[in-house]
Amino acid sequence: MDLHAIQSELRKANLDGWLFYDHHHRDPIAYRVLKISPRMCTRRWYYLIPAAGEPSRLAHRIERGNLDGAPGALHLYSSWTEQREHLKQMLAGKRRIAMQYSPLNDIPYVGLVDAGTIELVRSFGVEVVSSADLVQLFEARWSDDALASHLEAGKVVHAAINGAFEAIRAAVRAGDLLNEYDVQQEMMRIFAPNGVETDEPPIVAVNANAANPHYDPTKDFALPIREGDFVLLDVWAKQSKPGAVYFDITWTGFVGESVPERYKQIFNIVRQARDAAVNLVKSAMQQGTPLYGYQVDDAARGVIERAGYGDKFVHRTGHSIGEDVHGNGANMDNLETHDSRRVLPRTCFSVEPGIYLDDFGVRSEVNVYVEEHDARVTGEIQQTIVPILVEPN
């Protein structure tokens, strides 16, 4: 934990402190920021980083080691009255503190502290504000090692997508029946031997299933893949090691030698929306212009709305990426939420606009890594729908 840097940012934000709280491992952000990893958390603990001075720790007597590794004076409690009195003393003289809280739950990734605990802190005369900007600074920014792990995971993810297209190509040409679940499992078999893992298996969606952004094939329910079908692959994974971050992309293909014009038309609109968002990020970083998550969403959404498909783009443009595939930095969103967090250097997020019609859906997803004065897509960029029955170069 970089205590000096956290306290510096607290003073810049005119905050008196940042209060961390957890019970039953409900707040993974706290553990990542504080660099602690207690094995058992059946009792509540609190950790206050003041804008200046020594932090304070409060833990239950039977779990007094929960905050080991974090600096500061340790206070212990057993009864609920003792807990509240110690917390009140920790917060004495504090006017405004940050917690993992989001007004109206606008940013649910940060809204992790329960309402009752917020009420308890407010009962001591303390104003609670969202820690969303602090979280992005101290949890969402990547180290050089994290970026390296992302790029290595990307090689495996791209190999899995190429392997999926090849498996479909070989099965169709041989007259074998392959379904969505079969292709999903084919990709999963590529992951483990290459040192990557995922929280959920990839999405393999055919035709109308591709119009469901979070479709999930199963062993008992999966459509067969035949010549003439449209196929969407959404694949995410990270290296199987501590501190690794995700790589998350979506590609589309057509089981044939020539992609029909209707599919091309929709893909081209989505591609243009994707590129408009990416170019906005690059331009803002190169010019040093402040940029916010909602503006990136507006850039992509505007392209699709002008093409007449605004009501068919039913989700945000992108999400933060970190150790969880949906990370805790700014999302590219002015639909599901108005994400007013600034796009910061050393963060990464997806850009994945989509158009979802009745019989098929197109999404094109890339990952954008933001540098100090630029931004870049970290993997291969799909420019046309893959004609699956055409042999790759």
Foldseek 3Di string as FASTA:
>chain_A
DPLLVLLVVCVVVVFQKAKEKDAPPQQPLVCQLQVFDDPDGHDMKMWIRGSDDFIEIEEEPVPQCRNPPGTHHYDYDHDPVSRLVVVLVRCPPGAEYEYLCDVVCLPVSSHRDDPVVVVSVVVSNHHYDHCLQVSCVRPFFADPVQVVQALLQQVLQVVLVVVLLQVLLVCQVVVHKDWQVNSQVSSVVSAVVSQKDAPATKGKAKWQRQLVVPDDADPVGTGIDYAFIKIKIWDKITGPDPFHWMFIWMAIAHAADDDDPVVFVQQQLQLQLLVQLQVVLFVCLQVVHWDWLQVSQCSSLVSCVVVPQNVQFQAGQKAWIGNHRRDSHGHNDDDSHRTGHTDDANTKMKGWTKGRDRTHIDIGIFMWHHHNRGIDTSHDGDDGHHHSNDDDD
